[in-house]
Amino acid sequence: MSGHSLRGRVAVVGLGESTYYKVGQSPDSEFKLTLKAILAACRDANIDPRSVDGFSSFGNDRSDPSRIAAALGLRQLRSTQMQWGGGGGGCAAAVANGAAAIMAGLAETVVVFRGLAQGQHGRFGQSAPVQVVEGEMAYQMPYGVLSPPQKFALRVRRFMHEHGVQPQALRAIAMASYHHAQANPRAVMYGKPLTEEKYDASRWVVEPFRLYDCCMENDGAAAIILVSAHRAKEFPNTPVYLMGG
């Protein structure tokens, strides 16, 4: 193990989720959803929420850590971090950031969270009524390239061309996701299995992605509790150790 690696040094000891809703249908605000997920994670880990001393979140999360700290009554907030960008992979990077804070001695108990209520703040991938754009979006927004499927379709199409990847590979990924959802009563698509025929008949979103290749838009929140490996056995759940970072 490298001296700079997080592998085996930090563990997840608690997990919490809010109820998940179809996009725009959450009765709770984004902030309230986030608090519900964090409190659920603390209950799962059997810890006092006030003992949390660090937060790490996905980029663009609007639930400000200092506001969360006040709502939870934290004794001391020592570390806060936000992962800039990264799409779905940004959530994994937020976990690594929280783990790094623990290894650096900046915090002992870190909550990694993400909350989203598009009914309150607007839809992801939707153009805003602006007259001037700059940076990355200056090369995308004028051409209607706004949502993740649109952005990644270009890269995936190139990858499939260069490496001879067939469309059936994308179908297999979607099928696996729906298969696992059938074993999880909390999953949005629980009780709604996907067949190959249904996948093949689904509409294109942007080639090479069909409808079932794209993530569903849902409102909700999730949180996990991170601690150092030497503290992991203090908690009731079997620890899940980080394998990289």
Protein backbone atom coordinates (compact mmCIF):
# COMPACT_ATOMS: atom_id res chain seq x y z
CA MET A 1 0.00 0.00 0.00
CA SER A 2 1.37 3.42 -0.97
CA GLY A 3 2.03 5.84 1.85
CA HIS A 4 -0.25 8.31 0.10
CA SER A 5 -3.10 5.89 -0.57
CA LEU A 6 -6.38 5.94 1.37
CA ARG A 7 -6.87 2.23 0.79
CA GLY A 8 -7.92 0.50 4.00
CA ARG A 9 -7.37 3.59 6.13
CA VAL A 10 -10.89 5.01 6.23
CA ALA A 11 -14.23 3.23 6.60
CA VAL A 12 -17.92 3.87 6.04
CA VAL A 13 -19.79 3.11 9.27
CA GLY A 14 -23.21 4.60 8.56
CA LEU A 15 -25.58 5.16 5.67
CA GLY A 16 -28.74 7.24 5.43
CA GLU A 17 -31.21 8.17 2.72
CA SER A 18 -34.31 10.28 2.43
CA THR A 19 -37.33 9.09 0.53
CA TYR A 20 -36.77 9.43 -3.22
CA TYR A 21 -39.33 11.26 -5.32
CA LYS A 22 -39.92 11.81 -9.00
CA VAL A 23 -38.34 15.03 -10.19
CA GLY A 24 -40.13 18.07 -8.81
CA GLN A 25 -42.44 16.10 -6.50
CA SER A 26 -40.63 16.26 -3.17
CA PRO A 27 -42.79 17.81 -0.43
CA ASP A 28 -39.60 18.78 1.42
CA SER A 29 -36.99 21.39 0.60
CA GLU A 30 -33.54 20.35 -0.55
CA PHE A 31 -32.11 21.37 2.82
CA LYS A 32 -34.67 19.31 4.75
CA LEU A 33 -34.03 16.26 2.55
CA THR A 34 -30.32 16.60 3.27
CA LEU A 35 -30.88 16.84 7.03
CA LYS A 36 -33.12 13.76 6.95
CA ALA A 37 -30.42 11.75 5.17
CA ILE A 38 -27.69 12.88 7.57
CA LEU A 39 -29.79 12.10 10.64
CA ALA A 40 -30.62 8.67 9.21
CA ALA A 41 -26.91 7.99 8.67
CA CYS A 42 -26.15 9.01 12.25
CA ARG A 43 -28.85 6.68 13.56
CA ASP A 44 -27.45 3.88 11.43
CA ALA A 45 -23.99 4.44 12.89
CA ASN A 46 -25.40 4.98 16.40
CA ILE A 47 -23.63 8.30 16.82
CA ASP A 48 -24.73 11.65 18.19
CA PRO A 49 -25.11 14.05 15.22
CA ARG A 50 -23.42 16.71 17.33
CA SER A 51 -20.18 14.70 17.22
CA VAL A 52 -19.82 15.15 13.45
CA ASP A 53 -16.97 17.57 12.77
CA GLY A 54 -16.59 17.49 8.99
CA PHE A 55 -18.62 17.61 5.78
CA SER A 56 -17.84 16.75 2.19
CA SER A 57 -20.28 17.18 -0.68
CA PHE A 58 -20.71 16.98 -4.43
CA GLY A 59 -20.13 20.10 -6.55
CA ASN A 60 -22.92 22.70 -6.67
CA ASP A 61 -24.67 21.35 -3.58
CA ARG A 62 -26.68 24.22 -2.09
CA SER A 63 -26.88 22.88 1.48
CA ASP A 64 -24.25 25.05 3.12
CA PRO A 65 -22.19 23.11 5.72
CA SER A 66 -22.26 25.94 8.27
CA ARG A 67 -26.06 25.99 8.05
CA ILE A 68 -26.22 22.21 8.40
CA ALA A 69 -23.88 22.42 11.40
CA ALA A 70 -26.19 24.92 13.10
CA ALA A 71 -29.29 22.82 12.36
CA LEU A 72 -27.65 19.68 13.79
CA GLY A 73 -26.15 21.49 16.78
CA LEU A 74 -22.57 20.44 16.01
CA ARG A 75 -20.12 21.03 18.84
CA GLN A 76 -17.36 21.94 16.41
CA LEU A 77 -17.11 22.10 12.62
CA ARG A 78 -13.47 21.58 11.68
CA SER A 79 -13.51 20.71 7.98
CA THR A 80 -15.78 21.32 4.98
CA GLN A 81 -15.12 20.44 1.35
CA MET A 82 -16.93 20.44 -1.97
CA GLN A 83 -15.95 18.45 -5.03
CA TRP A 84 -15.93 20.64 -8.12
CA GLY A 85 -17.66 18.96 -11.03
CA GLY A 86 -17.21 15.41 -12.15
CA GLY A 87 -20.79 14.33 -12.81
CA GLY A 88 -21.65 10.98 -11.22
CA GLY A 89 -17.98 10.37 -10.50
CA GLY A 90 -17.93 13.53 -8.44
CA CYS A 91 -19.78 11.71 -5.66
CA ALA A 92 -16.92 9.21 -5.38
CA ALA A 93 -14.44 12.08 -5.32
CA ALA A 94 -16.40 13.68 -2.48
CA VAL A 95 -15.89 10.46 -0.48
CA ALA A 96 -12.16 10.62 -1.20
CA ASN A 97 -12.05 14.26 -0.09
CA GLY A 98 -13.75 13.39 3.19
CA ALA A 99 -11.36 10.50 3.75
CA ALA A 100 -8.38 12.74 3.01
CA ALA A 101 -9.59 15.20 5.64
CA ILE A 102 -9.62 12.40 8.22
CA MET A 103 -6.14 11.20 7.27
CA ALA A 104 -4.82 14.76 7.42
CA GLY A 105 -6.16 15.16 10.95
CA LEU A 106 -8.61 17.86 9.94
CA ALA A 107 -11.66 15.92 11.16
CA GLU A 108 -12.56 12.68 12.93
CA THR A 109 -16.16 12.05 11.84
CA VAL A 110 -17.04 13.22 8.33
CA VAL A 111 -20.44 13.19 6.68
CA VAL A 112 -20.41 12.91 2.89
CA PHE A 113 -23.75 14.02 1.50
CA ARG A 114 -25.70 15.02 -1.57
CA GLY A 115 -29.19 16.50 -1.73
CA LEU A 116 -31.29 17.52 -4.71
CA ALA A 117 -34.78 19.00 -5.09
CA GLN A 118 -35.23 20.12 -8.67
CA GLY A 119 -38.78 21.25 -8.03
CA GLN A 120 -37.33 23.90 -5.72
CA HIS A 121 -34.26 24.99 -7.66
CA GLY A 122 -34.85 24.01 -11.28
CA ARG A 123 -33.87 21.14 -13.49
CA PHE A 124 -30.35 19.94 -14.18
CA GLY A 125 -29.21 20.37 -17.77
CA GLN A 126 -31.67 23.14 -18.53
CA SER A 127 -30.48 26.32 -20.18
CA ALA A 128 -30.72 29.51 -18.18
CA PRO A 129 -31.92 32.76 -19.81
CA VAL A 130 -28.48 34.38 -20.03
CA GLN A 131 -27.06 36.65 -22.71
CA VAL A 132 -23.37 35.92 -22.14
CA VAL A 133 -21.64 32.63 -21.33
CA GLU A 134 -17.98 31.97 -20.71
CA GLY A 135 -15.59 29.15 -19.96
CA GLU A 136 -16.56 25.59 -20.86
CA MET A 137 -20.21 26.43 -21.46
CA ALA A 138 -19.29 28.94 -24.19
CA TYR A 139 -18.41 25.94 -26.35
CA GLN A 140 -21.51 23.94 -25.41
CA MET A 141 -24.57 26.05 -24.63
CA PRO A 142 -24.82 27.78 -28.07
CA TYR A 143 -25.07 24.32 -29.65
CA GLY A 144 -27.57 22.88 -27.18
CA VAL A 145 -25.05 20.61 -25.46
CA LEU A 146 -26.23 20.97 -21.87
CA SER A 147 -27.19 17.66 -20.25
CA PRO A 148 -24.81 14.83 -19.27
CA PRO A 149 -26.08 12.45 -22.00
CA GLN A 150 -25.35 15.07 -24.64
CA LYS A 151 -21.86 15.71 -23.31
CA PHE A 152 -20.88 12.09 -22.84
CA ALA A 153 -22.40 10.82 -26.08
CA LEU A 154 -19.55 12.36 -28.04
CA ARG A 155 -16.89 10.64 -25.94
CA VAL A 156 -18.66 7.31 -25.74
CA ARG A 157 -19.29 7.24 -29.48
CA ARG A 158 -15.56 7.81 -30.06
CA PHE A 159 -14.63 5.12 -27.52
CA MET A 160 -16.98 2.59 -29.11
CA HIS A 161 -15.53 3.35 -32.54
CA GLU A 162 -11.89 3.02 -31.46
CA HIS A 163 -12.33 -0.12 -29.35
CA GLY A 164 -15.03 -1.97 -31.26
CA VAL A 165 -17.59 -1.79 -28.45
CA GLN A 166 -21.05 -2.92 -29.55
CA PRO A 167 -24.37 -1.35 -28.44
CA GLN A 168 -25.16 -4.55 -26.53
CA ALA A 169 -22.56 -3.48 -23.97
CA LEU A 170 -24.61 -0.42 -23.05
CA ARG A 171 -27.74 -2.56 -22.85
CA ALA A 172 -25.99 -4.92 -20.43
CA ILE A 173 -25.21 -2.03 -18.08
CA ALA A 174 -28.83 -0.88 -18.03
CA MET A 175 -30.08 -4.44 -17.55
CA ALA A 176 -27.74 -4.97 -14.61
CA SER A 177 -28.93 -1.78 -12.91
CA TYR A 178 -32.58 -2.79 -13.20
CA HIS A 179 -31.77 -6.33 -12.08
CA HIS A 180 -30.21 -5.09 -8.84
CA ALA A 181 -33.13 -2.71 -8.27
CA GLN A 182 -35.47 -5.70 -7.99
CA ALA A 183 -33.67 -6.77 -4.82
CA ASN A 184 -33.94 -3.33 -3.18
CA PRO A 185 -37.42 -2.26 -2.00
CA ARG A 186 -36.20 1.33 -1.70
CA ALA A 187 -35.10 1.49 -5.33
CA VAL A 188 -37.18 3.73 -7.58
CA MET A 189 -37.53 0.94 -10.15
CA TYR A 190 -38.25 -1.84 -7.64
CA GLY A 191 -40.96 -4.05 -9.11
CA LYS A 192 -40.36 -2.66 -12.60
CA PRO A 193 -37.90 -5.02 -14.33
CA LEU A 194 -36.37 -4.17 -17.69
CA THR A 195 -36.32 -6.63 -20.58
CA GLU A 196 -34.05 -6.65 -23.60
CA GLU A 197 -37.06 -6.09 -25.84
CA LYS A 198 -38.18 -3.06 -23.85
CA TYR A 199 -34.67 -1.62 -23.90
CA ASP A 200 -34.30 -2.09 -27.66
CA ALA A 201 -37.68 -0.48 -28.29
CA SER A 202 -36.95 2.59 -26.16
CA ARG A 203 -36.40 5.95 -27.82
CA TRP A 204 -33.05 7.51 -28.48
CA VAL A 205 -32.07 10.36 -26.17
CA VAL A 206 -28.85 11.09 -28.01
CA GLU A 207 -27.00 8.32 -29.84
CA PRO A 208 -25.58 6.01 -28.61
CA PHE A 209 -27.76 6.46 -25.51
CA ARG A 210 -31.33 5.21 -25.31
CA LEU A 211 -33.83 6.16 -22.62
CA TYR A 212 -32.74 3.39 -20.24
CA ASP A 213 -29.06 4.31 -20.54
CA CYS A 214 -29.76 7.61 -18.82
CA CYS A 215 -30.17 8.04 -15.09
CA MET A 216 -33.65 8.83 -13.84
CA GLU A 217 -34.27 12.29 -12.49
CA ASN A 218 -35.25 12.02 -8.86
CA ASP A 219 -35.29 14.31 -5.86
CA GLY A 220 -33.84 13.13 -2.58
CA ALA A 221 -30.70 12.97 -0.47
CA ALA A 222 -28.15 10.45 0.77
CA ALA A 223 -25.34 10.57 3.31
CA ILE A 224 -22.59 8.33 4.66
CA ILE A 225 -20.44 8.53 7.80
CA LEU A 226 -16.66 8.21 7.47
CA VAL A 227 -14.19 7.49 10.28
CA SER A 228 -10.61 6.28 10.42
CA ALA A 229 -10.00 2.53 10.22
CA HIS A 230 -8.80 2.30 13.82
CA ARG A 231 -12.16 3.72 15.03
CA ALA A 232 -14.32 1.64 12.70
CA LYS A 233 -14.94 -1.21 15.16
CA GLU A 234 -16.44 1.20 17.69
CA PHE A 235 -19.64 1.24 15.64
CA PRO A 236 -22.39 -1.41 15.35
CA ASN A 237 -22.26 -1.99 11.59
CA THR A 238 -19.69 -4.02 9.71
CA PRO A 239 -17.30 -1.36 8.37
CA VAL A 240 -16.85 -0.88 4.64
CA TYR A 241 -13.27 0.16 3.95
CA LEU A 242 -12.24 2.45 1.12
CA MET A 243 -10.41 0.57 -1.62
CA GLY A 244 -8.78 3.55 -3.27
CA GLY A 245 -8.30 7.27 -3.27
